[in-house]
Structures are given as C-alpha cells and as structure tokens.
C-alpha cells in the first residue's frame, strides 16, 4: 500500500474508528501507544522497533512485517518476537491494535508525533521516579543497609564486581569506596580473570564481594558470583527486581528497578542504592572515614587535581 493510499484510508476511517472501547477512544493517541509498551522489558533491538512506531505511527501501523523490518533495520523474526513480548500472538495481532490508534492520531492533530515523543520522555522520567520511590521504601528500615555497610567496611580487601552493562555502576562504587576504605579491588572482566581476582581477594583476607547485575543478566556474572561463593567469599548483590538464579546465589540481594522506557536502560535507583551503601560504610567507621577523606583532600590540593 502506497503512502497516499495509507493516508486516504486513514482519513476515511478516522471519523468512526471501530473495535475500540469508548474509554480508549477518549485517551490521547500518544498515551494509548505508550500504554502498549509500558511494563514490558524490551531489548535494545525491540526498543528500536518501538521507537520507529512512536516516530512514524500513522505509517507504521499499516506496514507489512517485511516493510517494517526493512524500515527499522531488523529481521522479520525480530518484529515477531517484539509483538510476542508485548503479549500478542504475532505482528498481525499487534497491527490490528495499532491501526485504530493511528487513525485517531490522523483525525486528532497533525502534531501527534511530537506529542508522543514529548510524552515518551516524560513517561521515562516518571518511571524512574517510581523506581526511586521503591528504593525509598526499601530504606525505610535502615538496619539492613547499615548492617551490610558495616560488613563491607570490615572486608579488607573489598571486591566490587560488575560486568558488561553493570561496569559503570561498579566503577562508580569502587571509585568512591576507595576514599573511605583501605583496599578496594574492582573486577570488570569475567572468566578466568574474575576467578583469579576473587581467589586473590580471599587469600588476602577479604570476606565480601559487592556485585552489580543489571539486565540483561549475563551468564558470566552468574559464573563469577558462583566462583566467589566457591572461594569462601560472601556476596551482596545489587540487581533489578527480576527473580532468577543470581538472586539465589547471593547471600544478600538488594533490588532497585532500572528505567527501561528509552533505547538504553537508566540507573537512577541502583545509583541511589549504591550511594546509600557508601554512606553506611562511612558510618561504620567514622574515624577511619574522616582520616582518609582529609588525607585525600590534602593530596588533591597539593597536586592540584581540581579547579
């Protein structure tokens, strides 16, 4: 179907879109489209498909699976998996739902694409606010986090583990923890490199590993956590709320939701939980913390590290 035919069909049918409950018809097309994706964890490739639909709703809703795959730059099976991940039997079933939304967008406003884009970004922020609210509820009882902070502070050395997408969180924690802890060892590579580092940490007297595992969860992270346990190290795991074998392997699991509304995940909540653990470590030995912070500041000033 040509672009002109699609628009003619849309204009002809937009007056009385059928098959939708009256409550759905009353919602803005942007909200109805975003509701289809809400609550579903999509891979980066699937988010590309969703983003194309957001940017080209009135066109995408009438494309064949072959045409959509070509426009997005993915395979046809990827489009099918995308539809199934949203709860539909396949792409044709998803397209049947998309078309009335597209028709109402044509009838409603020529600026619908900009409206959808604006709402999408705001919805991503709203989702992160809810993730932070969950962390706030987790921290209502401070005893657990304070107890974990004391254990991590006592572990010398302390190993911080984060592989693949979780590297940035592990690096942030290790960078800050080195200001208040005498021996922090960062592990960002899996396999035998991680195993050797964990063995050395245990042999040097370490008792705990703090591991970060954000989705999509890597098999090498599970292997590293199991390796840590096999050496006698105990594991604190910061991960998303998805249950799985990683949580089963950890001695302590703290969960924080990741923002999954955009092409790549965002980590406001895991970052906040990490900062809370760092505070708990600092509070566990305030004299050591103060002495190390003062020493660092003096060195930084002496060498002119900062503006």
C-alpha atoms as a PDB file:
ATOM      1  CA  UNK A   1       0.000   0.000   0.000  1.00  0.00           C
ATOM      2  CA  UNK A   2       1.434   3.371  -1.028  1.00  0.00           C
ATOM      3  CA  UNK A   3       1.807   6.275   1.383  1.00  0.00           C
ATOM      4  CA  UNK A   4      -1.039   8.119  -0.375  1.00  0.00           C
ATOM      5  CA  UNK A   5      -3.333   5.108  -0.078  1.00  0.00           C
ATOM      6  CA  UNK A   6      -2.472   4.774   3.601  1.00  0.00           C
ATOM      7  CA  UNK A   7      -3.367   8.399   4.268  1.00  0.00           C
ATOM      8  CA  UNK A   8      -6.622   8.116   2.262  1.00  0.00           C
ATOM      9  CA  UNK A   9      -7.576   5.020   4.226  1.00  0.00           C
ATOM     10  CA  UNK A  10      -6.719   6.752   7.463  1.00  0.00           C
ATOM     11  CA  UNK A  11      -8.764   9.854   6.634  1.00  0.00           C
ATOM     12  CA  UNK A  12     -11.749   7.770   5.534  1.00  0.00           C
ATOM     13  CA  UNK A  13     -11.814   5.609   8.645  1.00  0.00           C
ATOM     14  CA  UNK A  14     -10.681   8.139  11.239  1.00  0.00           C
ATOM     15  CA  UNK A  15     -14.196   9.525  11.788  1.00  0.00           C
ATOM     16  CA  UNK A  16     -15.532   6.322  13.322  1.00  0.00           C
ATOM     17  CA  UNK A  17     -12.672   4.018  14.358  1.00  0.00           C
ATOM     18  CA  UNK A  18     -14.157   0.681  15.251  1.00  0.00           C
ATOM     19  CA  UNK A  19     -13.281  -2.063  17.676  1.00  0.00           C
ATOM     20  CA  UNK A  20     -12.056   0.198  20.484  1.00  0.00           C
ATOM     21  CA  UNK A  21     -13.819   0.712  23.834  1.00  0.00           C
ATOM     22  CA  UNK A  22     -15.154   4.221  24.385  1.00  0.00           C
ATOM     23  CA  UNK A  23     -12.700   4.744  27.241  1.00  0.00           C
ATOM     24  CA  UNK A  24      -9.814   4.031  24.866  1.00  0.00           C
ATOM     25  CA  UNK A  25     -11.179   6.395  22.259  1.00  0.00           C
ATOM     26  CA  UNK A  26     -11.176   9.168  24.862  1.00  0.00           C
ATOM     27  CA  UNK A  27      -7.448   8.817  25.543  1.00  0.00           C
ATOM     28  CA  UNK A  28      -4.851  10.676  23.516  1.00  0.00           C
ATOM     29  CA  UNK A  29      -3.186   8.549  20.798  1.00  0.00           C
ATOM     30  CA  UNK A  30       0.201   9.179  22.429  1.00  0.00           C
ATOM     31  CA  UNK A  31      -0.990   7.749  25.740  1.00  0.00           C
ATOM     32  CA  UNK A  32      -2.615   4.744  24.071  1.00  0.00           C
ATOM     33  CA  UNK A  33       0.550   3.929  22.141  1.00  0.00           C
ATOM     34  CA  UNK A  34       2.848   4.284  25.144  1.00  0.00           C
ATOM     35  CA  UNK A  35       0.494   2.086  27.180  1.00  0.00           C
ATOM     36  CA  UNK A  36       1.218  -0.778  24.765  1.00  0.00           C
ATOM     37  CA  UNK A  37       4.916  -0.668  25.702  1.00  0.00           C
ATOM     38  CA  UNK A  38       4.532   0.137  29.387  1.00  0.00           C
ATOM     39  CA  UNK A  39       5.601  -2.592  31.804  1.00  0.00           C
ATOM     40  CA  UNK A  40       7.412  -4.693  29.191  1.00  0.00           C
ATOM     41  CA  UNK A  41      11.175  -5.201  29.264  1.00  0.00           C
ATOM     42  CA  UNK A  42      12.371  -4.785  25.699  1.00  0.00           C
ATOM     43  CA  UNK A  43      15.797  -5.496  24.269  1.00  0.00           C
ATOM     44  CA  UNK A  44      17.657  -2.637  22.533  1.00  0.00           C
ATOM     45  CA  UNK A  45      16.577  -4.015  19.157  1.00  0.00           C
ATOM     46  CA  UNK A  46      12.959  -4.200  20.247  1.00  0.00           C
ATOM     47  CA  UNK A  47      13.143  -0.646  21.532  1.00  0.00           C
ATOM     48  CA  UNK A  48      14.269   0.444  18.078  1.00  0.00           C
ATOM     49  CA  UNK A  49      11.064  -1.026  16.704  1.00  0.00           C
ATOM     50  CA  UNK A  50       9.013   0.710  19.386  1.00  0.00           C
ATOM     51  CA  UNK A  51      10.789   3.995  18.711  1.00  0.00           C
ATOM     52  CA  UNK A  52      10.062   3.735  14.989  1.00  0.00           C
ATOM     53  CA  UNK A  53       6.387   3.180  15.766  1.00  0.00           C
ATOM     54  CA  UNK A  54       6.400   6.225  18.030  1.00  0.00           C
ATOM     55  CA  UNK A  55       8.055   8.404  15.401  1.00  0.00           C
ATOM     56  CA  UNK A  56       6.040   7.096  12.422  1.00  0.00           C
ATOM     57  CA  UNK A  57       2.781   5.879  13.947  1.00  0.00           C
ATOM     58  CA  UNK A  58       0.389   6.727  11.099  1.00  0.00           C
ATOM     59  CA  UNK A  59       2.676   4.982   8.622  1.00  0.00           C
ATOM     60  CA  UNK A  60       3.988   2.074  10.718  1.00  0.00           C
ATOM     61  CA  UNK A  61       0.524   0.854  11.678  1.00  0.00           C
ATOM     62  CA  UNK A  62      -0.178  -0.079   8.028  1.00  0.00           C
ATOM     63  CA  UNK A  63       3.190  -1.603   7.082  1.00  0.00           C
ATOM     64  CA  UNK A  64       3.652  -5.292   6.452  1.00  0.00           C
ATOM     65  CA  UNK A  65       6.083  -7.185   8.658  1.00  0.00           C
ATOM     66  CA  UNK A  66       8.610  -7.150   5.792  1.00  0.00           C
ATOM     67  CA  UNK A  67       8.279  -3.407   5.275  1.00  0.00           C
ATOM     68  CA  UNK A  68       8.558  -2.645   8.995  1.00  0.00           C
ATOM     69  CA  UNK A  69      11.638  -4.847   9.394  1.00  0.00           C
ATOM     70  CA  UNK A  70      13.312  -3.082   6.450  1.00  0.00           C
ATOM     71  CA  UNK A  71      12.482   0.408   7.757  1.00  0.00           C
ATOM     72  CA  UNK A  72      13.841  -0.331  11.239  1.00  0.00           C
ATOM     73  CA  UNK A  73      16.801  -2.390  10.048  1.00  0.00           C
ATOM     74  CA  UNK A  74      15.949  -5.602  11.894  1.00  0.00           C
ATOM     75  CA  UNK A  75      14.921  -9.104  10.846  1.00  0.00           C
ATOM     76  CA  UNK A  76      11.320 -10.228  10.401  1.00  0.00           C
ATOM     77  CA  UNK A  77      11.639 -12.711  13.314  1.00  0.00           C
ATOM     78  CA  UNK A  78      12.735  -9.759  15.477  1.00  0.00           C
ATOM     79  CA  UNK A  79       9.464  -7.973  14.690  1.00  0.00           C
ATOM     80  CA  UNK A  80       7.519 -11.139  15.567  1.00  0.00           C
ATOM     81  CA  UNK A  81       9.385 -11.506  18.874  1.00  0.00           C
ATOM     82  CA  UNK A  82       8.695  -7.847  19.595  1.00  0.00           C
ATOM     83  CA  UNK A  83       4.940  -8.378  19.149  1.00  0.00           C
ATOM     84  CA  UNK A  84       5.004 -11.528  21.287  1.00  0.00           C
ATOM     85  CA  UNK A  85       6.933  -9.718  24.040  1.00  0.00           C
ATOM     86  CA  UNK A  86       4.033  -7.228  24.205  1.00  0.00           C
ATOM     87  CA  UNK A  87       1.575 -10.083  24.712  1.00  0.00           C
ATOM     88  CA  UNK A  88       0.267 -10.560  21.157  1.00  0.00           C
ATOM     89  CA  UNK A  89       0.179 -13.751  19.125  1.00  0.00           C
ATOM     90  CA  UNK A  90       2.219 -12.113  16.394  1.00  0.00           C
ATOM     91  CA  UNK A  91       2.724  -8.955  14.381  1.00  0.00           C
ATOM     92  CA  UNK A  92      -0.686  -9.053  12.628  1.00  0.00           C
ATOM     93  CA  UNK A  93      -2.449  -9.010  16.014  1.00  0.00           C
ATOM     94  CA  UNK A  94      -0.331  -6.061  17.156  1.00  0.00           C
ATOM     95  CA  UNK A  95      -1.004  -4.195  13.904  1.00  0.00           C
ATOM     96  CA  UNK A  96      -4.760  -4.579  14.422  1.00  0.00           C
ATOM     97  CA  UNK A  97      -4.382  -2.707  17.703  1.00  0.00           C
ATOM     98  CA  UNK A  98      -2.052  -0.074  16.259  1.00  0.00           C
ATOM     99  CA  UNK A  99      -4.267   0.889  13.333  1.00  0.00           C
ATOM    100  CA  UNK A 100      -7.174   2.435  15.304  1.00  0.00           C
ATOM    101  CA  UNK A 101      -4.639   4.423  17.325  1.00  0.00           C
ATOM    102  CA  UNK A 102      -3.034   5.668  14.120  1.00  0.00           C
ATOM    103  CA  UNK A 103      -6.419   6.572  12.670  1.00  0.00           C
ATOM    104  CA  UNK A 104      -7.365   8.611  15.717  1.00  0.00           C
ATOM    105  CA  UNK A 105      -3.991  10.380  15.532  1.00  0.00           C
ATOM    106  CA  UNK A 106      -4.705  11.404  11.939  1.00  0.00           C
ATOM    107  CA  UNK A 107      -8.143  12.688  12.902  1.00  0.00           C
ATOM    108  CA  UNK A 108      -6.916  14.453  16.012  1.00  0.00           C
ATOM    109  CA  UNK A 109      -3.788  16.508  15.478  1.00  0.00           C
ATOM    110  CA  UNK A 110      -1.041  16.939  12.896  1.00  0.00           C
ATOM    111  CA  UNK A 111       1.442  17.297  15.770  1.00  0.00           C
ATOM    112  CA  UNK A 112       0.755  13.845  17.211  1.00  0.00           C
ATOM    113  CA  UNK A 113       4.326  12.625  16.601  1.00  0.00           C
ATOM    114  CA  UNK A 114       5.796  15.479  18.660  1.00  0.00           C
ATOM    115  CA  UNK A 115       3.199  14.873  21.362  1.00  0.00           C
ATOM    116  CA  UNK A 116       4.106  11.196  21.535  1.00  0.00           C
ATOM    117  CA  UNK A 117       7.814  11.977  21.705  1.00  0.00           C
ATOM    118  CA  UNK A 118       7.314  14.518  24.487  1.00  0.00           C
ATOM    119  CA  UNK A 119       5.102  12.162  26.481  1.00  0.00           C
ATOM    120  CA  UNK A 120       7.521   9.297  25.993  1.00  0.00           C
ATOM    121  CA  UNK A 121      10.422  11.182  27.549  1.00  0.00           C
ATOM    122  CA  UNK A 122       8.274  12.373  30.433  1.00  0.00           C
ATOM    123  CA  UNK A 123       6.992   8.838  30.947  1.00  0.00           C
ATOM    124  CA  UNK A 124      10.599   7.624  31.205  1.00  0.00           C
ATOM    125  CA  UNK A 125      11.261  10.151  33.969  1.00  0.00           C
ATOM    126  CA  UNK A 126       8.013   9.163  35.721  1.00  0.00           C
ATOM    127  CA  UNK A 127       9.094   5.520  35.657  1.00  0.00           C
ATOM    128  CA  UNK A 128      12.427   6.415  37.247  1.00  0.00           C
ATOM    129  CA  UNK A 129      10.658   8.407  39.945  1.00  0.00           C
ATOM    130  CA  UNK A 130       8.667   5.282  40.783  1.00  0.00           C
ATOM    131  CA  UNK A 131      11.898   3.260  40.913  1.00  0.00           C
ATOM    132  CA  UNK A 132      13.329   5.799  43.347  1.00  0.00           C
ATOM    133  CA  UNK A 133      10.150   5.577  45.424  1.00  0.00           C
ATOM    134  CA  UNK A 134      10.734   1.834  45.696  1.00  0.00           C
ATOM    135  CA  UNK A 135      14.272   2.443  46.965  1.00  0.00           C
ATOM    136  CA  UNK A 136      12.875   4.956  49.436  1.00  0.00           C
ATOM    137  CA  UNK A 137      10.522   2.286  50.785  1.00  0.00           C
ATOM    138  CA  UNK A 138      13.423  -0.183  50.974  1.00  0.00           C
ATOM    139  CA  UNK A 139      15.405   2.300  53.083  1.00  0.00           C
ATOM    140  CA  UNK A 140      12.527   2.968  55.490  1.00  0.00           C
ATOM    141  CA  UNK A 141      14.132   0.376  57.781  1.00  0.00           C
ATOM    142  CA  UNK A 142      17.783   1.431  57.798  1.00  0.00           C
ATOM    143  CA  UNK A 143      19.039  -1.548  59.815  1.00  0.00           C
ATOM    144  CA  UNK A 144      19.616  -3.832  56.806  1.00  0.00           C
ATOM    145  CA  UNK A 145      21.630  -1.299  54.821  1.00  0.00           C
ATOM    146  CA  UNK A 146      23.634  -0.236  57.891  1.00  0.00           C
ATOM    147  CA  UNK A 147      24.433  -3.873  58.704  1.00  0.00           C
ATOM    148  CA  UNK A 148      25.584  -4.528  55.142  1.00  0.00           C
ATOM    149  CA  UNK A 149      27.661  -1.346  55.169  1.00  0.00           C
ATOM    150  CA  UNK A 150      29.439  -2.499  58.326  1.00  0.00           C
ATOM    151  CA  UNK A 151      30.217  -5.892  56.761  1.00  0.00           C
ATOM    152  CA  UNK A 152      31.598  -4.309  53.594  1.00  0.00           C
ATOM    153  CA  UNK A 153      33.673  -1.856  55.621  1.00  0.00           C
ATOM    154  CA  UNK A 154      35.238  -4.734  57.592  1.00  0.00           C
ATOM    155  CA  UNK A 155      36.142  -6.727  54.472  1.00  0.00           C
ATOM    156  CA  UNK A 156      39.773  -5.943  53.652  1.00  0.00           C
ATOM    157  CA  UNK A 157      40.166  -6.201  50.756  1.00  0.00           C
ATOM    158  CA  UNK A 158      36.674  -5.458  49.457  1.00  0.00           C
ATOM    159  CA  UNK A 159      35.946  -6.701  45.938  1.00  0.00           C
ATOM    160  CA  UNK A 160      33.477  -4.840  43.716  1.00  0.00           C
ATOM    161  CA  UNK A 161      32.237  -6.802  40.692  1.00  0.00           C
ATOM    162  CA  UNK A 162      30.388  -5.511  37.637  1.00  0.00           C
ATOM    163  CA  UNK A 163      30.457  -6.992  34.143  1.00  0.00           C
ATOM    164  CA  UNK A 164      29.175  -5.768  30.780  1.00  0.00           C
ATOM    165  CA  UNK A 165      26.394  -3.165  31.242  1.00  0.00           C
ATOM    166  CA  UNK A 166      26.986  -3.150  35.016  1.00  0.00           C
ATOM    167  CA  UNK A 167      30.580  -1.922  34.736  1.00  0.00           C
ATOM    168  CA  UNK A 168      29.654   1.743  35.158  1.00  0.00           C
ATOM    169  CA  UNK A 169      27.867   1.137  38.472  1.00  0.00           C
ATOM    170  CA  UNK A 170      30.754  -0.962  39.799  1.00  0.00           C
ATOM    171  CA  UNK A 171      33.302   1.679  38.759  1.00  0.00           C
ATOM    172  CA  UNK A 172      31.338   4.449  40.470  1.00  0.00           C
ATOM    173  CA  UNK A 173      31.076   2.468  43.699  1.00  0.00           C
ATOM    174  CA  UNK A 174      34.743   1.424  43.686  1.00  0.00           C
ATOM    175  CA  UNK A 175      35.922   4.981  42.922  1.00  0.00           C
ATOM    176  CA  UNK A 176      34.007   6.404  45.889  1.00  0.00           C
ATOM    177  CA  UNK A 177      34.705   3.479  48.229  1.00  0.00           C
ATOM    178  CA  UNK A 178      38.473   3.905  47.792  1.00  0.00           C
ATOM    179  CA  UNK A 179      38.152   7.285  49.502  1.00  0.00           C
ATOM    180  CA  UNK A 180      36.974   5.642  52.735  1.00  0.00           C
ATOM    181  CA  UNK A 181      38.255   2.043  52.523  1.00  0.00           C
ATOM    182  CA  UNK A 182      41.924   0.960  52.543  1.00  0.00           C
ATOM    183  CA  UNK A 183      41.740  -1.772  49.865  1.00  0.00           C
ATOM    184  CA  UNK A 184      39.033  -1.864  47.182  1.00  0.00           C
ATOM    185  CA  UNK A 185      39.531  -4.198  44.224  1.00  0.00           C
ATOM    186  CA  UNK A 186      37.472  -3.705  41.084  1.00  0.00           C
ATOM    187  CA  UNK A 187      36.624  -6.630  38.791  1.00  0.00           C
ATOM    188  CA  UNK A 188      35.116  -5.757  35.408  1.00  0.00           C
ATOM    189  CA  UNK A 189      36.168  -8.776  33.343  1.00  0.00           C
ATOM    190  CA  UNK A 190      34.687 -12.234  33.593  1.00  0.00           C
ATOM    191  CA  UNK A 191      36.051 -15.735  33.106  1.00  0.00           C
ATOM    192  CA  UNK A 192      39.438 -16.722  34.475  1.00  0.00           C
ATOM    193  CA  UNK A 193      40.376 -13.065  35.100  1.00  0.00           C
ATOM    194  CA  UNK A 194      37.498 -12.683  37.545  1.00  0.00           C
ATOM    195  CA  UNK A 195      38.204 -16.045  39.167  1.00  0.00           C
ATOM    196  CA  UNK A 196      41.877 -15.176  39.751  1.00  0.00           C
ATOM    197  CA  UNK A 197      40.948 -11.807  41.250  1.00  0.00           C
ATOM    198  CA  UNK A 198      38.418 -13.407  43.577  1.00  0.00           C
ATOM    199  CA  UNK A 199      40.909 -16.055  44.710  1.00  0.00           C
ATOM    200  CA  UNK A 200      43.490 -13.369  45.440  1.00  0.00           C
ATOM    201  CA  UNK A 201      40.974 -11.283  47.358  1.00  0.00           C
ATOM    202  CA  UNK A 202      40.007 -14.214  49.535  1.00  0.00           C
ATOM    203  CA  UNK A 203      43.655 -15.197  50.110  1.00  0.00           C
ATOM    204  CA  UNK A 204      44.409 -11.617  51.198  1.00  0.00           C
ATOM    205  CA  UNK A 205      41.724 -11.802  53.891  1.00  0.00           C
ATOM    206  CA  UNK A 206      38.670 -10.456  52.087  1.00  0.00           C
ATOM    207  CA  UNK A 207      35.277 -11.699  53.196  1.00  0.00           C
ATOM    208  CA  UNK A 208      32.736  -9.935  50.952  1.00  0.00           C
ATOM    209  CA  UNK A 209      32.063  -9.142  47.295  1.00  0.00           C
ATOM    210  CA  UNK A 210      29.648  -6.436  46.205  1.00  0.00           C
ATOM    211  CA  UNK A 211      28.276  -7.465  42.803  1.00  0.00           C
ATOM    212  CA  UNK A 212      26.151  -5.422  40.383  1.00  0.00           C
ATOM    213  CA  UNK A 213      23.907  -7.256  37.911  1.00  0.00           C
ATOM    214  CA  UNK A 214      21.687  -5.133  35.698  1.00  0.00           C
ATOM    215  CA  UNK A 215      19.603  -6.583  32.852  1.00  0.00           C
ATOM    216  CA  UNK A 216      20.116  -8.233  30.533  1.00  0.00           C
ATOM    217  CA  UNK A 217      21.788 -10.546  33.029  1.00  0.00           C
ATOM    218  CA  UNK A 218      24.990 -12.072  31.703  1.00  0.00           C
ATOM    219  CA  UNK A 219      25.881 -15.714  32.217  1.00  0.00           C
ATOM    220  CA  UNK A 220      29.437 -14.662  33.072  1.00  0.00           C
ATOM    221  CA  UNK A 221      28.091 -12.636  36.018  1.00  0.00           C
ATOM    222  CA  UNK A 222      26.372 -15.741  37.377  1.00  0.00           C
ATOM    223  CA  UNK A 223      29.589 -17.709  36.901  1.00  0.00           C
ATOM    224  CA  UNK A 224      31.601 -15.030  38.737  1.00  0.00           C
ATOM    225  CA  UNK A 225      29.151 -14.936  41.663  1.00  0.00           C
ATOM    226  CA  UNK A 226      29.317 -18.730  41.944  1.00  0.00           C
ATOM    227  CA  UNK A 227      33.113 -18.563  41.782  1.00  0.00           C
ATOM    228  CA  UNK A 228      33.134 -16.020  44.612  1.00  0.00           C
ATOM    229  CA  UNK A 229      30.991 -18.298  46.757  1.00  0.00           C
ATOM    230  CA  UNK A 230      33.242 -21.272  45.965  1.00  0.00           C
ATOM    231  CA  UNK A 231      36.287 -19.395  47.318  1.00  0.00           C
ATOM    232  CA  UNK A 232      34.515 -18.664  50.601  1.00  0.00           C
ATOM    233  CA  UNK A 233      33.580 -15.064  49.837  1.00  0.00           C
ATOM    234  CA  UNK A 234      30.092 -13.851  50.672  1.00  0.00           C
ATOM    235  CA  UNK A 235      28.127 -11.864  48.098  1.00  0.00           C
ATOM    236  CA  UNK A 236      25.973  -8.747  48.325  1.00  0.00           C
ATOM    237  CA  UNK A 237      24.067  -8.374  45.059  1.00  0.00           C
ATOM    238  CA  UNK A 238      22.507  -5.163  43.735  1.00  0.00           C
ATOM    239  CA  UNK A 239      20.148  -6.080  40.912  1.00  0.00           C
ATOM    240  CA  UNK A 240      16.762  -5.320  39.383  1.00  0.00           C
ATOM    241  CA  UNK A 241      13.592  -6.892  40.859  1.00  0.00           C
ATOM    242  CA  UNK A 242      13.592  -9.805  38.385  1.00  0.00           C
ATOM    243  CA  UNK A 243      13.958 -13.076  40.284  1.00  0.00           C
ATOM    244  CA  UNK A 244      16.415 -15.624  38.946  1.00  0.00           C
ATOM    245  CA  UNK A 245      19.493 -17.725  39.670  1.00  0.00           C
ATOM    246  CA  UNK A 246      21.632 -14.688  40.508  1.00  0.00           C
ATOM    247  CA  UNK A 247      19.443 -13.846  43.491  1.00  0.00           C
ATOM    248  CA  UNK A 248      19.535 -17.487  44.613  1.00  0.00           C
ATOM    249  CA  UNK A 249      23.340 -17.451  44.648  1.00  0.00           C
ATOM    250  CA  UNK A 250      23.721 -14.230  46.659  1.00  0.00           C
ATOM    251  CA  UNK A 251      23.943 -14.061  50.444  1.00  0.00           C
ATOM    252  CA  UNK A 252      22.149 -10.707  50.395  1.00  0.00           C
ATOM    253  CA  UNK A 253      20.157  -9.242  47.484  1.00  0.00           C
ATOM    254  CA  UNK A 254      19.110  -5.602  47.276  1.00  0.00           C
ATOM    255  CA  UNK A 255      16.799  -4.720  44.400  1.00  0.00           C
ATOM    256  CA  UNK A 256      16.383  -1.445  42.530  1.00  0.00           C
ATOM    257  CA  UNK A 257      14.410  -1.041  39.331  1.00  0.00           C
ATOM    258  CA  UNK A 258      16.061   0.095  36.123  1.00  0.00           C
ATOM    259  CA  UNK A 259      14.466   2.610  33.781  1.00  0.00           C
ATOM    260  CA  UNK A 260      13.535   0.719  30.612  1.00  0.00           C
ATOM    261  CA  UNK A 261      11.406   3.230  28.704  1.00  0.00           C
ATOM    262  CA  UNK A 262      14.191   4.505  26.417  1.00  0.00           C
ATOM    263  CA  UNK A 263      16.531   2.787  23.969  1.00  0.00           C
ATOM    264  CA  UNK A 264      19.011   2.036  26.771  1.00  0.00           C
ATOM    265  CA  UNK A 265      18.277   1.464  30.449  1.00  0.00           C
ATOM    266  CA  UNK A 266      18.857   4.198  33.025  1.00  0.00           C
ATOM    267  CA  UNK A 267      20.050   3.566  36.565  1.00  0.00           C
ATOM    268  CA  UNK A 268      18.833   6.296  38.893  1.00  0.00           C
ATOM    269  CA  UNK A 269      17.564   3.827  41.512  1.00  0.00           C
ATOM    270  CA  UNK A 270      20.613   1.481  41.569  1.00  0.00           C
ATOM    271  CA  UNK A 271      22.811   4.585  41.769  1.00  0.00           C
ATOM    272  CA  UNK A 272      20.877   5.872  44.774  1.00  0.00           C
ATOM    273  CA  UNK A 273      21.080   2.483  46.483  1.00  0.00           C
ATOM    274  CA  UNK A 274      24.837   2.435  45.854  1.00  0.00           C
ATOM    275  CA  UNK A 275      25.194   5.863  47.452  1.00  0.00           C
ATOM    276  CA  UNK A 276      23.233   4.675  50.486  1.00  0.00           C
ATOM    277  CA  UNK A 277      25.592   1.707  50.894  1.00  0.00           C
ATOM    278  CA  UNK A 278      28.598   4.007  50.645  1.00  0.00           C
ATOM    279  CA  UNK A 279      27.098   6.174  53.389  1.00  0.00           C
ATOM    280  CA  UNK A 280      26.572   3.070  55.535  1.00  0.00           C
ATOM    281  CA  UNK A 281      30.222   2.085  55.017  1.00  0.00           C
ATOM    282  CA  UNK A 282      31.338   5.566  56.024  1.00  0.00           C
ATOM    283  CA  UNK A 283      29.154   5.491  59.147  1.00  0.00           C
ATOM    284  CA  UNK A 284      30.536   2.079  60.146  1.00  0.00           C
ATOM    285  CA  UNK A 285      33.965   3.548  60.945  1.00  0.00           C
ATOM    286  CA  UNK A 286      33.658   7.351  61.142  1.00  0.00           C
ATOM    287  CA  UNK A 287      37.192   7.911  62.422  1.00  0.00           C
ATOM    288  CA  UNK A 288      38.772   5.974  59.556  1.00  0.00           C
ATOM    289  CA  UNK A 289      36.447   7.688  57.110  1.00  0.00           C
ATOM    290  CA  UNK A 290      37.331  11.158  58.335  1.00  0.00           C
ATOM    291  CA  UNK A 291      41.060  10.451  58.351  1.00  0.00           C
ATOM    292  CA  UNK A 292      41.038   9.048  54.822  1.00  0.00           C
ATOM    293  CA  UNK A 293      38.887  11.852  53.427  1.00  0.00           C
ATOM    294  CA  UNK A 294      41.145  14.509  54.966  1.00  0.00           C
ATOM    295  CA  UNK A 295      44.234  12.749  53.616  1.00  0.00           C
ATOM    296  CA  UNK A 296      42.736  12.594  50.142  1.00  0.00           C
ATOM    297  CA  UNK A 297      41.742  16.259  50.163  1.00  0.00           C
ATOM    298  CA  UNK A 298      45.221  17.306  51.247  1.00  0.00           C
ATOM    299  CA  UNK A 299      46.807  15.244  48.470  1.00  0.00           C
ATOM    300  CA  UNK A 300      44.345  16.590  45.913  1.00  0.00           C
ATOM    301  CA  UNK A 301      45.083  20.171  46.895  1.00  0.00           C
ATOM    302  CA  UNK A 302      48.829  19.582  46.929  1.00  0.00           C
ATOM    303  CA  UNK A 303      48.839  18.158  43.400  1.00  0.00           C
ATOM    304  CA  UNK A 304      46.188  20.485  42.004  1.00  0.00           C
ATOM    305  CA  UNK A 305      43.742  17.796  40.954  1.00  0.00           C
ATOM    306  CA  UNK A 306      40.723  20.065  40.910  1.00  0.00           C
ATOM    307  CA  UNK A 307      39.856  23.564  39.737  1.00  0.00           C
END
